[in-house]
PDB file of N, CA and C in Angstrom:
ATOM      1  N   MET A   1      46.348 140.907  69.368  1.00  0.00           N
ATOM      2  CA  MET A   1      47.531 141.246  70.118  1.00  0.00           C
ATOM      3  C   MET A   1      48.325 142.253  69.279  1.00  0.00           C
ATOM      4  N   THR A   2      48.712 143.333  69.913  1.00  0.00           N
ATOM      5  CA  THR A   2      49.439 144.371  69.200  1.00  0.00           C
ATOM      6  C   THR A   2      50.909 143.975  69.058  1.00  0.00           C
ATOM      7  N   HIS A   3      51.588 144.721  68.216  1.00  0.00           N
ATOM      8  CA  HIS A   3      53.012 144.468  67.972  1.00  0.00           C
ATOM      9  C   HIS A   3      53.824 144.669  69.252  1.00  0.00           C
ATOM     10  N   LYS A   4      53.468 145.674  70.034  1.00  0.00           N
ATOM     11  CA  LYS A   4      54.161 145.948  71.300  1.00  0.00           C
ATOM     12  C   LYS A   4      53.964 144.805  72.293  1.00  0.00           C
ATOM     13  N   GLN A   5      52.765 144.290  72.384  1.00  0.00           N
ATOM     14  CA  GLN A   5      52.479 143.183  73.304  1.00  0.00           C
ATOM     15  C   GLN A   5      53.243 141.917  72.882  1.00  0.00           C
ATOM     16  N   MET A   6      53.338 141.717  71.570  1.00  0.00           N
ATOM     17  CA  MET A   6      54.056 140.551  71.071  1.00  0.00           C
ATOM     18  C   MET A   6      55.540 140.644  71.424  1.00  0.00           C
ATOM     19  N   LEU A   7      56.175 141.807  71.255  1.00  0.00           N
ATOM     20  CA  LEU A   7      57.571 141.991  71.626  1.00  0.00           C
ATOM     21  C   LEU A   7      57.780 141.800  73.121  1.00  0.00           C
ATOM     22  N   LEU A   8      56.844 142.327  73.922  1.00  0.00           N
ATOM     23  CA  LEU A   8      56.936 142.170  75.375  1.00  0.00           C
ATOM     24  C   LEU A   8      56.826 140.695  75.767  1.00  0.00           C
ATOM     25  N   LEU A   9      55.921 139.969  75.138  1.00  0.00           N
ATOM     26  CA  LEU A   9      55.747 138.544  75.419  1.00  0.00           C
ATOM     27  C   LEU A   9      57.026 137.769  75.054  1.00  0.00           C
ATOM     28  N   CYS A  10      57.625 138.076  73.914  1.00  0.00           N
ATOM     29  CA  CYS A  10      58.866 137.402  73.500  1.00  0.00           C
ATOM     30  C   CYS A  10      60.003 137.725  74.464  1.00  0.00           C
ATOM     31  N   ALA A  11      60.116 138.973  74.903  1.00  0.00           N
ATOM     32  CA  ALA A  11      61.179 139.365  75.823  1.00  0.00           C
ATOM     33  C   ALA A  11      61.012 138.677  77.166  1.00  0.00           C
ATOM     34  N   VAL A  12      59.785 138.628  77.684  1.00  0.00           N
ATOM     35  CA  VAL A  12      59.521 137.974  78.977  1.00  0.00           C
ATOM     36  C   VAL A  12      59.784 136.469  78.870  1.00  0.00           C
ATOM     37  N   THR A  13      59.392 135.874  77.758  1.00  0.00           N
ATOM     38  CA  THR A  13      59.632 134.436  77.563  1.00  0.00           C
ATOM     39  C   THR A  13      61.129 134.144  77.506  1.00  0.00           C
ATOM     40  N   PHE A  14      61.886 134.968  76.771  1.00  0.00           N
ATOM     41  CA  PHE A  14      63.336 134.793  76.671  1.00  0.00           C
ATOM     42  C   PHE A  14      63.998 134.936  78.037  1.00  0.00           C
ATOM     43  N   LEU A  15      63.671 135.981  78.773  1.00  0.00           N
ATOM     44  CA  LEU A  15      64.266 136.200  80.095  1.00  0.00           C
ATOM     45  C   LEU A  15      63.872 135.089  81.070  1.00  0.00           C
ATOM     46  N   GLY A  16      62.625 134.644  81.015  1.00  0.00           N
ATOM     47  CA  GLY A  16      62.189 133.546  81.880  1.00  0.00           C
ATOM     48  C   GLY A  16      62.945 132.264  81.596  1.00  0.00           C
ATOM     49  N   GLY A  17      63.193 132.007  80.310  1.00  0.00           N
ATOM     50  CA  GLY A  17      63.962 130.823  79.944  1.00  0.00           C
ATOM     51  C   GLY A  17      65.397 130.902  80.424  1.00  0.00           C
ATOM     52  N   MET A  18      66.004 132.070  80.302  1.00  0.00           N
ATOM     53  CA  MET A  18      67.392 132.247  80.763  1.00  0.00           C
ATOM     54  C   MET A  18      67.491 132.094  82.278  1.00  0.00           C
ATOM     55  N   VAL A  19      66.586 132.732  83.011  1.00  0.00           N
ATOM     56  CA  VAL A  19      66.608 132.634  84.477  1.00  0.00           C
ATOM     57  C   VAL A  19      66.319 131.197  84.909  1.00  0.00           C
ATOM     58  N   GLY A  20      65.341 130.563  84.310  1.00  0.00           N
ATOM     59  CA  GLY A  20      65.006 129.168  84.653  1.00  0.00           C
ATOM     60  C   GLY A  20      66.153 128.220  84.362  1.00  0.00           C
ATOM     61  N   GLY A  21      66.839 128.436  83.240  1.00  0.00           N
ATOM     62  CA  GLY A  21      67.992 127.597  82.915  1.00  0.00           C
ATOM     63  C   GLY A  21      69.127 127.767  83.906  1.00  0.00           C
ATOM     64  N   GLY A  22      69.390 129.011  84.300  1.00  0.00           N
ATOM     65  CA  GLY A  22      70.441 129.264  85.278  1.00  0.00           C
ATOM     66  C   GLY A  22      70.137 128.656  86.632  1.00  0.00           C
ATOM     67  N   VAL A  23      68.878 128.795  87.074  1.00  0.00           N
ATOM     68  CA  VAL A  23      68.479 128.235  88.375  1.00  0.00           C
ATOM     69  C   VAL A  23      68.542 126.708  88.336  1.00  0.00           C
ATOM     70  N   SER A  24      68.054 126.091  87.254  1.00  0.00           N
ATOM     71  CA  SER A  24      68.078 124.627  87.185  1.00  0.00           C
ATOM     72  C   SER A  24      69.513 124.106  87.103  1.00  0.00           C
ATOM     73  N   TYR A  25      70.398 124.848  86.448  1.00  0.00           N
ATOM     74  CA  TYR A  25      71.803 124.440  86.396  1.00  0.00           C
ATOM     75  C   TYR A  25      72.404 124.446  87.799  1.00  0.00           C
ATOM     76  N   GLN A  26      72.118 125.468  88.584  1.00  0.00           N
ATOM     77  CA  GLN A  26      72.656 125.556  89.945  1.00  0.00           C
ATOM     78  C   GLN A  26      72.087 124.462  90.845  1.00  0.00           C
ATOM     79  N   LEU A  27      70.823 124.133  90.667  1.00  0.00           N
ATOM     80  CA  LEU A  27      70.186 123.144  91.540  1.00  0.00           C
ATOM     81  C   LEU A  27      70.476 121.708  91.148  1.00  0.00           C
ATOM     82  N   PHE A  28      70.550 121.420  89.862  1.00  0.00           N
ATOM     83  CA  PHE A  28      70.594 120.040  89.410  1.00  0.00           C
ATOM     84  C   PHE A  28      71.881 119.645  88.696  1.00  0.00           C
ATOM     85  N   SER A  29      72.877 120.508  88.652  1.00  0.00           N
ATOM     86  CA  SER A  29      74.108 120.151  87.952  1.00  0.00           C
ATOM     87  C   SER A  29      74.871 119.103  88.766  1.00  0.00           C
ATOM     88  N   PRO A  30      75.490 118.132  88.095  1.00  0.00           N
ATOM     89  CA  PRO A  30      76.243 117.105  88.824  1.00  0.00           C
ATOM     90  C   PRO A  30      77.466 117.720  89.501  1.00  0.00           C
ATOM     91  N   THR A  31      77.813 117.150  90.627  1.00  0.00           N
ATOM     92  CA  THR A  31      78.995 117.636  91.328  1.00  0.00           C
ATOM     93  C   THR A  31      80.233 117.238  90.536  1.00  0.00           C
ATOM     94  N   SER A  32      81.209 118.073  90.529  1.00  0.00           N
ATOM     95  CA  SER A  32      82.424 117.777  89.763  1.00  0.00           C
ATOM     96  C   SER A  32      83.247 116.732  90.504  1.00  0.00           C
ATOM     97  N   VAL A  33      83.853 115.870  89.738  1.00  0.00           N
ATOM     98  CA  VAL A  33      84.704 114.816  90.275  1.00  0.00           C
ATOM     99  C   VAL A  33      86.139 115.168  89.929  1.00  0.00           C
ATOM    100  N   GLN A  34      87.001 115.072  90.911  1.00  0.00           N
ATOM    101  CA  GLN A  34      88.400 115.393  90.673  1.00  0.00           C
ATOM    102  C   GLN A  34      89.094 114.169  90.090  1.00  0.00           C
ATOM    103  N   ALA A  35      89.703 114.337  88.937  1.00  0.00           N
ATOM    104  CA  ALA A  35      90.368 113.231  88.250  1.00  0.00           C
ATOM    105  C   ALA A  35      91.718 112.943  88.893  1.00  0.00           C
ATOM    106  N   GLN A  36      92.180 111.695  88.698  1.00  0.00           N
ATOM    107  CA  GLN A  36      93.498 111.329  89.171  1.00  0.00           C
ATOM    108  C   GLN A  36      94.545 112.026  88.321  1.00  0.00           C
ATOM    109  N   ASN A  37      95.732 112.029  88.815  1.00  0.00           N
ATOM    110  CA  ASN A  37      96.848 112.604  88.090  1.00  0.00           C
ATOM    111  C   ASN A  37      96.944 111.920  86.723  1.00  0.00           C
ATOM    112  N   PRO A  38      96.988 112.665  85.613  1.00  0.00           N
ATOM    113  CA  PRO A  38      97.020 112.019  84.305  1.00  0.00           C
ATOM    114  C   PRO A  38      98.299 111.224  84.048  1.00  0.00           C
ATOM    115  N   ASN A  39      99.328 111.426  84.850  1.00  0.00           N
ATOM    116  CA  ASN A  39     100.584 110.704  84.667  1.00  0.00           C
ATOM    117  C   ASN A  39     100.735 109.532  85.622  1.00  0.00           C
ATOM    118  N   GLY A  40      99.684 109.157  86.337  1.00  0.00           N
ATOM    119  CA  GLY A  40      99.803 108.054  87.285  1.00  0.00           C
ATOM    120  C   GLY A  40      98.453 107.469  87.632  1.00  0.00           C
ATOM    121  N   VAL A  41      98.480 106.298  88.218  1.00  0.00           N
ATOM    122  CA  VAL A  41      97.280 105.609  88.670  1.00  0.00           C
ATOM    123  C   VAL A  41      97.482 105.298  90.146  1.00  0.00           C
ATOM    124  N   HIS A  42      96.449 105.497  90.944  1.00  0.00           N
ATOM    125  CA  HIS A  42      96.545 105.267  92.378  1.00  0.00           C
ATOM    126  C   HIS A  42      95.738 104.023  92.747  1.00  0.00           C
ATOM    127  N   ALA A  43      96.398 103.059  93.359  1.00  0.00           N
ATOM    128  CA  ALA A  43      95.736 101.828  93.780  1.00  0.00           C
ATOM    129  C   ALA A  43      96.579 101.166  94.855  1.00  0.00           C
ATOM    130  N   GLU A  44      95.965 100.254  95.597  1.00  0.00           N
ATOM    131  CA  GLU A  44      96.695  99.505  96.615  1.00  0.00           C
ATOM    132  C   GLU A  44      97.168  98.159  96.083  1.00  0.00           C
ATOM    133  N   GLU A  45      96.594  97.704  94.957  1.00  0.00           N
ATOM    134  CA  GLU A  45      96.972  96.403  94.418  1.00  0.00           C
ATOM    135  C   GLU A  45      96.720  96.377  92.912  1.00  0.00           C
ATOM    136  N   PHE A  46      97.627  95.733  92.186  1.00  0.00           N
ATOM    137  CA  PHE A  46      97.477  95.490  90.758  1.00  0.00           C
ATOM    138  C   PHE A  46      97.632  93.996  90.529  1.00  0.00           C
ATOM    139  N   LEU A  47      96.711  93.393  89.796  1.00  0.00           N
ATOM    140  CA  LEU A  47      96.783  91.970  89.487  1.00  0.00           C
ATOM    141  C   LEU A  47      96.812  91.772  87.986  1.00  0.00           C
ATOM    142  N   LEU A  48      97.608  90.819  87.544  1.00  0.00           N
ATOM    143  CA  LEU A  48      97.646  90.419  86.146  1.00  0.00           C
ATOM    144  C   LEU A  48      97.013  89.033  86.077  1.00  0.00           C
ATOM    145  N   LEU A  49      95.906  88.911  85.340  1.00  0.00           N
ATOM    146  CA  LEU A  49      95.152  87.667  85.273  1.00  0.00           C
ATOM    147  C   LEU A  49      95.372  86.993  83.929  1.00  0.00           C
ATOM    148  N   ASP A  50      95.369  85.646  83.929  1.00  0.00           N
ATOM    149  CA  ASP A  50      95.463  84.926  82.662  1.00  0.00           C
ATOM    150  C   ASP A  50      94.063  84.802  82.058  1.00  0.00           C
ATOM    151  N   ALA A  51      93.964  84.091  80.941  1.00  0.00           N
ATOM    152  CA  ALA A  51      92.687  83.966  80.233  1.00  0.00           C
ATOM    153  C   ALA A  51      91.614  83.264  81.073  1.00  0.00           C
ATOM    154  N   LYS A  52      92.028  82.437  82.032  1.00  0.00           N
ATOM    155  CA  LYS A  52      91.074  81.720  82.884  1.00  0.00           C
ATOM    156  C   LYS A  52      90.730  82.493  84.155  1.00  0.00           C
ATOM    157  N   GLY A  53      91.279  83.678  84.307  1.00  0.00           N
ATOM    158  CA  GLY A  53      90.971  84.506  85.461  1.00  0.00           C
ATOM    159  C   GLY A  53      91.844  84.262  86.676  1.00  0.00           C
ATOM    160  N   ARG A  54      92.887  83.450  86.528  1.00  0.00           N
ATOM    161  CA  ARG A  54      93.800  83.183  87.646  1.00  0.00           C
ATOM    162  C   ARG A  54      94.845  84.286  87.728  1.00  0.00           C
ATOM    163  N   ALA A  55      95.150  84.704  88.945  1.00  0.00           N
ATOM    164  CA  ALA A  55      96.180  85.731  89.147  1.00  0.00           C
ATOM    165  C   ALA A  55      97.541  85.119  88.873  1.00  0.00           C
ATOM    166  N   ARG A  56      98.265  85.706  87.923  1.00  0.00           N
ATOM    167  CA  ARG A  56      99.610  85.236  87.595  1.00  0.00           C
ATOM    168  C   ARG A  56     100.673  86.166  88.133  1.00  0.00           C
ATOM    169  N   ALA A  57     100.325  87.422  88.350  1.00  0.00           N
ATOM    170  CA  ALA A  57     101.273  88.386  88.888  1.00  0.00           C
ATOM    171  C   ALA A  57     100.498  89.410  89.708  1.00  0.00           C
ATOM    172  N   GLY A  58     101.149  89.903  90.727  1.00  0.00           N
ATOM    173  CA  GLY A  58     100.508  90.904  91.561  1.00  0.00           C
ATOM    174  C   GLY A  58     101.523  91.856  92.162  1.00  0.00           C
ATOM    175  N   LEU A  59     101.135  93.092  92.263  1.00  0.00           N
ATOM    176  CA  LEU A  59     101.945  94.121  92.893  1.00  0.00           C
ATOM    177  C   LEU A  59     101.043  94.810  93.890  1.00  0.00           C
ATOM    178  N   GLY A  60     101.467  94.845  95.156  1.00  0.00           N
ATOM    179  CA  GLY A  60     100.597  95.455  96.137  1.00  0.00           C
ATOM    180  C   GLY A  60     101.208  95.559  97.510  1.00  0.00           C
ATOM    181  N   LEU A  61     100.352  95.947  98.447  1.00  0.00           N
ATOM    182  CA  LEU A  61     100.725  96.100  99.847  1.00  0.00           C
ATOM    183  C   LEU A  61     100.040  95.014 100.662  1.00  0.00           C
ATOM    184  N   ASP A  62     100.748  94.465 101.656  1.00  0.00           N
ATOM    185  CA  ASP A  62     100.103  93.496 102.539  1.00  0.00           C
ATOM    186  C   ASP A  62      99.470  94.222 103.723  1.00  0.00           C
ATOM    187  N   ALA A  63      98.957  93.455 104.674  1.00  0.00           N
ATOM    188  CA  ALA A  63      98.262  94.036 105.829  1.00  0.00           C
ATOM    189  C   ALA A  63      99.177  94.919 106.677  1.00  0.00           C
ATOM    190  N   ASN A  64     100.491  94.662 106.635  1.00  0.00           N
ATOM    191  CA  ASN A  64     101.445  95.462 107.409  1.00  0.00           C
ATOM    192  C   ASN A  64     101.964  96.668 106.645  1.00  0.00           C
ATOM    193  N   GLY A  65     101.466  96.875 105.427  1.00  0.00           N
ATOM    194  CA  GLY A  65     101.919  97.998 104.621  1.00  0.00           C
ATOM    195  C   GLY A  65     103.219  97.740 103.885  1.00  0.00           C
ATOM    196  N   GLU A  66     103.648  96.482 103.821  1.00  0.00           N
ATOM    197  CA  GLU A  66     104.883  96.137 103.129  1.00  0.00           C
ATOM    198  C   GLU A  66     104.569  95.872 101.655  1.00  0.00           C
ATOM    199  N   VAL A  67     105.422  96.365 100.776  1.00  0.00           N
ATOM    200  CA  VAL A  67     105.213  96.230  99.342  1.00  0.00           C
ATOM    201  C   VAL A  67     105.820  94.933  98.837  1.00  0.00           C
ATOM    202  N   GLY A  68     105.209  94.360  97.795  1.00  0.00           N
ATOM    203  CA  GLY A  68     105.749  93.130  97.232  1.00  0.00           C
ATOM    204  C   GLY A  68     105.275  92.910  95.809  1.00  0.00           C
ATOM    205  N   LEU A  69     106.074  92.169  95.075  1.00  0.00           N
ATOM    206  CA  LEU A  69     105.746  91.746  93.720  1.00  0.00           C
ATOM    207  C   LEU A  69     105.765  90.226  93.716  1.00  0.00           C
ATOM    208  N   VAL A  70     104.691  89.604  93.235  1.00  0.00           N
ATOM    209  CA  VAL A  70     104.579  88.147  93.213  1.00  0.00           C
ATOM    210  C   VAL A  70     104.326  87.717  91.775  1.00  0.00           C
ATOM    211  N   LEU A  71     105.152  86.771  91.290  1.00  0.00           N
ATOM    212  CA  LEU A  71     105.006  86.202  89.952  1.00  0.00           C
ATOM    213  C   LEU A  71     104.814  84.705  90.102  1.00  0.00           C
ATOM    214  N   GLN A  72     103.821  84.143  89.381  1.00  0.00           N
ATOM    215  CA  GLN A  72     103.545  82.713  89.501  1.00  0.00           C
ATOM    216  C   GLN A  72     103.687  82.055  88.138  1.00  0.00           C
ATOM    217  N   SER A  73     104.266  80.834  88.128  1.00  0.00           N
ATOM    218  CA  SER A  73     104.461  80.103  86.874  1.00  0.00           C
ATOM    219  C   SER A  73     103.106  79.729  86.266  1.00  0.00           C
ATOM    220  N   LYS A  74     103.143  79.384  84.979  1.00  0.00           N
ATOM    221  CA  LYS A  74     101.910  79.067  84.259  1.00  0.00           C
ATOM    222  C   LYS A  74     101.158  77.898  84.906  1.00  0.00           C
ATOM    223  N   ASP A  75     101.911  76.881  85.345  1.00  0.00           N
ATOM    224  CA  ASP A  75     101.271  75.724  85.966  1.00  0.00           C
ATOM    225  C   ASP A  75     101.007  75.919  87.459  1.00  0.00           C
ATOM    226  N   GLY A  76     101.441  77.018  88.023  1.00  0.00           N
ATOM    227  CA  GLY A  76     101.188  77.306  89.436  1.00  0.00           C
ATOM    228  C   GLY A  76     102.121  76.606  90.391  1.00  0.00           C
ATOM    229  N   ASN A  77     103.162  75.934  89.885  1.00  0.00           N
ATOM    230  CA  ASN A  77     104.079  75.182  90.744  1.00  0.00           C
ATOM    231  C   ASN A  77     105.143  76.042  91.409  1.00  0.00           C
ATOM    232  N   ARG A  78     105.501  77.156  90.796  1.00  0.00           N
ATOM    233  CA  ARG A  78     106.550  78.000  91.370  1.00  0.00           C
ATOM    234  C   ARG A  78     106.052  79.434  91.499  1.00  0.00           C
ATOM    235  N   THR A  79     106.510  80.079  92.566  1.00  0.00           N
ATOM    236  CA  THR A  79     106.169  81.471  92.820  1.00  0.00           C
ATOM    237  C   THR A  79     107.437  82.235  93.141  1.00  0.00           C
ATOM    238  N   LEU A  80     107.619  83.350  92.475  1.00  0.00           N
ATOM    239  CA  LEU A  80     108.756  84.233  92.713  1.00  0.00           C
ATOM    240  C   LEU A  80     108.234  85.484  93.409  1.00  0.00           C
ATOM    241  N   THR A  81     108.808  85.791  94.572  1.00  0.00           N
ATOM    242  CA  THR A  81     108.390  86.991  95.308  1.00  0.00           C
ATOM    243  C   THR A  81     109.567  87.942  95.450  1.00  0.00           C
ATOM    244  N   LEU A  82     109.266  89.215  95.316  1.00  0.00           N
ATOM    245  CA  LEU A  82     110.251  90.265  95.517  1.00  0.00           C
ATOM    246  C   LEU A  82     109.657  91.239  96.527  1.00  0.00           C
ATOM    247  N   SER A  83     110.362  91.446  97.619  1.00  0.00           N
ATOM    248  CA  SER A  83     109.897  92.374  98.632  1.00  0.00           C
ATOM    249  C   SER A  83     111.096  92.969  99.362  1.00  0.00           C
ATOM    250  N   PRO A  84     111.272  94.273  99.260  1.00  0.00           N
ATOM    251  CA  PRO A  84     112.396  94.893  99.950  1.00  0.00           C
ATOM    252  C   PRO A  84     112.218  94.911 101.469  1.00  0.00           C
ATOM    253  N   ASP A  85     111.024  94.621 101.949  1.00  0.00           N
ATOM    254  CA  ASP A  85     110.757  94.643 103.392  1.00  0.00           C
ATOM    255  C   ASP A  85     111.038  93.308 104.068  1.00  0.00           C
ATOM    256  N   ASP A  86     111.129  92.209 103.306  1.00  0.00           N
ATOM    257  CA  ASP A  86     111.403  90.891 103.891  1.00  0.00           C
ATOM    258  C   ASP A  86     112.898  90.699 104.094  1.00  0.00           C
ATOM    259  N   SER A  87     113.253  89.728 104.962  1.00  0.00           N
ATOM    260  CA  SER A  87     114.668  89.435 105.172  1.00  0.00           C
ATOM    261  C   SER A  87     115.299  88.866 103.905  1.00  0.00           C
ATOM    262  N   SER A  88     114.555  88.069 103.141  1.00  0.00           N
ATOM    263  CA  SER A  88     115.002  87.601 101.820  1.00  0.00           C
ATOM    264  C   SER A  88     114.255  88.432 100.781  1.00  0.00           C
ATOM    265  N   ALA A  89     114.972  89.311 100.124  1.00  0.00           N
ATOM    266  CA  ALA A  89     114.322  90.226  99.184  1.00  0.00           C
ATOM    267  C   ALA A  89     113.738  89.493  97.981  1.00  0.00           C
ATOM    268  N   ILE A  90     114.408  88.418  97.545  1.00  0.00           N
ATOM    269  CA  ILE A  90     113.939  87.631  96.407  1.00  0.00           C
ATOM    270  C   ILE A  90     113.834  86.181  96.844  1.00  0.00           C
ATOM    271  N   THR A  91     112.693  85.554  96.587  1.00  0.00           N
ATOM    272  CA  THR A  91     112.494  84.161  96.993  1.00  0.00           C
ATOM    273  C   THR A  91     111.759  83.403  95.901  1.00  0.00           C
ATOM    274  N   LEU A  92     112.243  82.208  95.569  1.00  0.00           N
ATOM    275  CA  LEU A  92     111.569  81.314  94.638  1.00  0.00           C
ATOM    276  C   LEU A  92     111.050  80.130  95.451  1.00  0.00           C
ATOM    277  N   ILE A  93     109.746  79.930  95.431  1.00  0.00           N
ATOM    278  CA  ILE A  93     109.099  78.921  96.277  1.00  0.00           C
ATOM    279  C   ILE A  93     108.328  77.950  95.390  1.00  0.00           C
ATOM    280  N   GLU A  94     108.376  76.644  95.720  1.00  0.00           N
ATOM    281  CA  GLU A  94     107.565  75.676  94.993  1.00  0.00           C
ATOM    282  C   GLU A  94     106.194  75.575  95.664  1.00  0.00           C
ATOM    283  N   ARG A  95     105.285  74.878  95.018  1.00  0.00           N
ATOM    284  CA  ARG A  95     103.903  74.803  95.483  1.00  0.00           C
ATOM    285  C   ARG A  95     103.778  74.330  96.930  1.00  0.00           C
ATOM    286  N   GLY A  96     104.563  73.390  97.361  1.00  0.00           N
ATOM    287  CA  GLY A  96     104.483  72.867  98.724  1.00  0.00           C
ATOM    288  C   GLY A  96     104.999  73.831  99.791  1.00  0.00           C
ATOM    289  N   GLY A  97     105.592  74.933  99.390  1.00  0.00           N
ATOM    290  CA  GLY A  97     106.118  75.897 100.340  1.00  0.00           C
ATOM    291  C   GLY A  97     107.622  75.817 100.542  1.00  0.00           C
ATOM    292  N   ARG A  98     108.260  74.828  99.898  1.00  0.00           N
ATOM    293  CA  ARG A  98     109.709  74.686 100.025  1.00  0.00           C
ATOM    294  C   ARG A  98     110.404  75.802  99.256  1.00  0.00           C
ATOM    295  N   ILE A  99     111.369  76.445  99.890  1.00  0.00           N
ATOM    296  CA  ILE A  99     112.127  77.522  99.254  1.00  0.00           C
ATOM    297  C   ILE A  99     113.176  76.890  98.341  1.00  0.00           C
ATOM    298  N   LEU A 100     113.085  77.184  97.046  1.00  0.00           N
ATOM    299  CA  LEU A 100     114.052  76.661  96.079  1.00  0.00           C
ATOM    300  C   LEU A 100     115.283  77.544  95.995  1.00  0.00           C
ATOM    301  N   TRP A 101     115.102  78.840  96.162  1.00  0.00           N
ATOM    302  CA  TRP A 101     116.214  79.801  96.078  1.00  0.00           C
ATOM    303  C   TRP A 101     115.797  81.093  96.720  1.00  0.00           C
ATOM    304  N   SER A 102     116.754  81.756  97.377  1.00  0.00           N
ATOM    305  CA  SER A 102     116.462  83.074  97.948  1.00  0.00           C
ATOM    306  C   SER A 102     117.744  83.893  97.968  1.00  0.00           C
ATOM    307  N   ALA A 103     117.551  85.205  97.971  1.00  0.00           N
ATOM    308  CA  ALA A 103     118.712  86.124  98.043  1.00  0.00           C
ATOM    309  C   ALA A 103     118.378  87.219  99.041  1.00  0.00           C
ATOM    310  N   PRO A 104     119.393  87.618  99.791  1.00  0.00           N
ATOM    311  CA  PRO A 104     119.143  88.648 100.817  1.00  0.00           C
ATOM    312  C   PRO A 104     118.821  89.999 100.244  1.00  0.00           C
TER     313      PRO A 104
END
């Protein structure tokens, strides 16, 4: 193989590699994913779980689109709810469902 043929072979190999790389990048590159706003998180519900996996606090939307914050005591006997959409914005309820305290 002459020196000229060797240079031609190297040039063709280099160009083939560049073209093949460009084509494979266009065909097989993963689609870009748009990230959430770096200053916020988007979700319909947030839960705070204790070590046993029980929900102790939650912030979210109900089926009617009303927002609420629910806090539950460690033993599960009392629940404090805050919801600007309810007639009683703040309510403290015992396990049986009896309202212990509420505020408009």
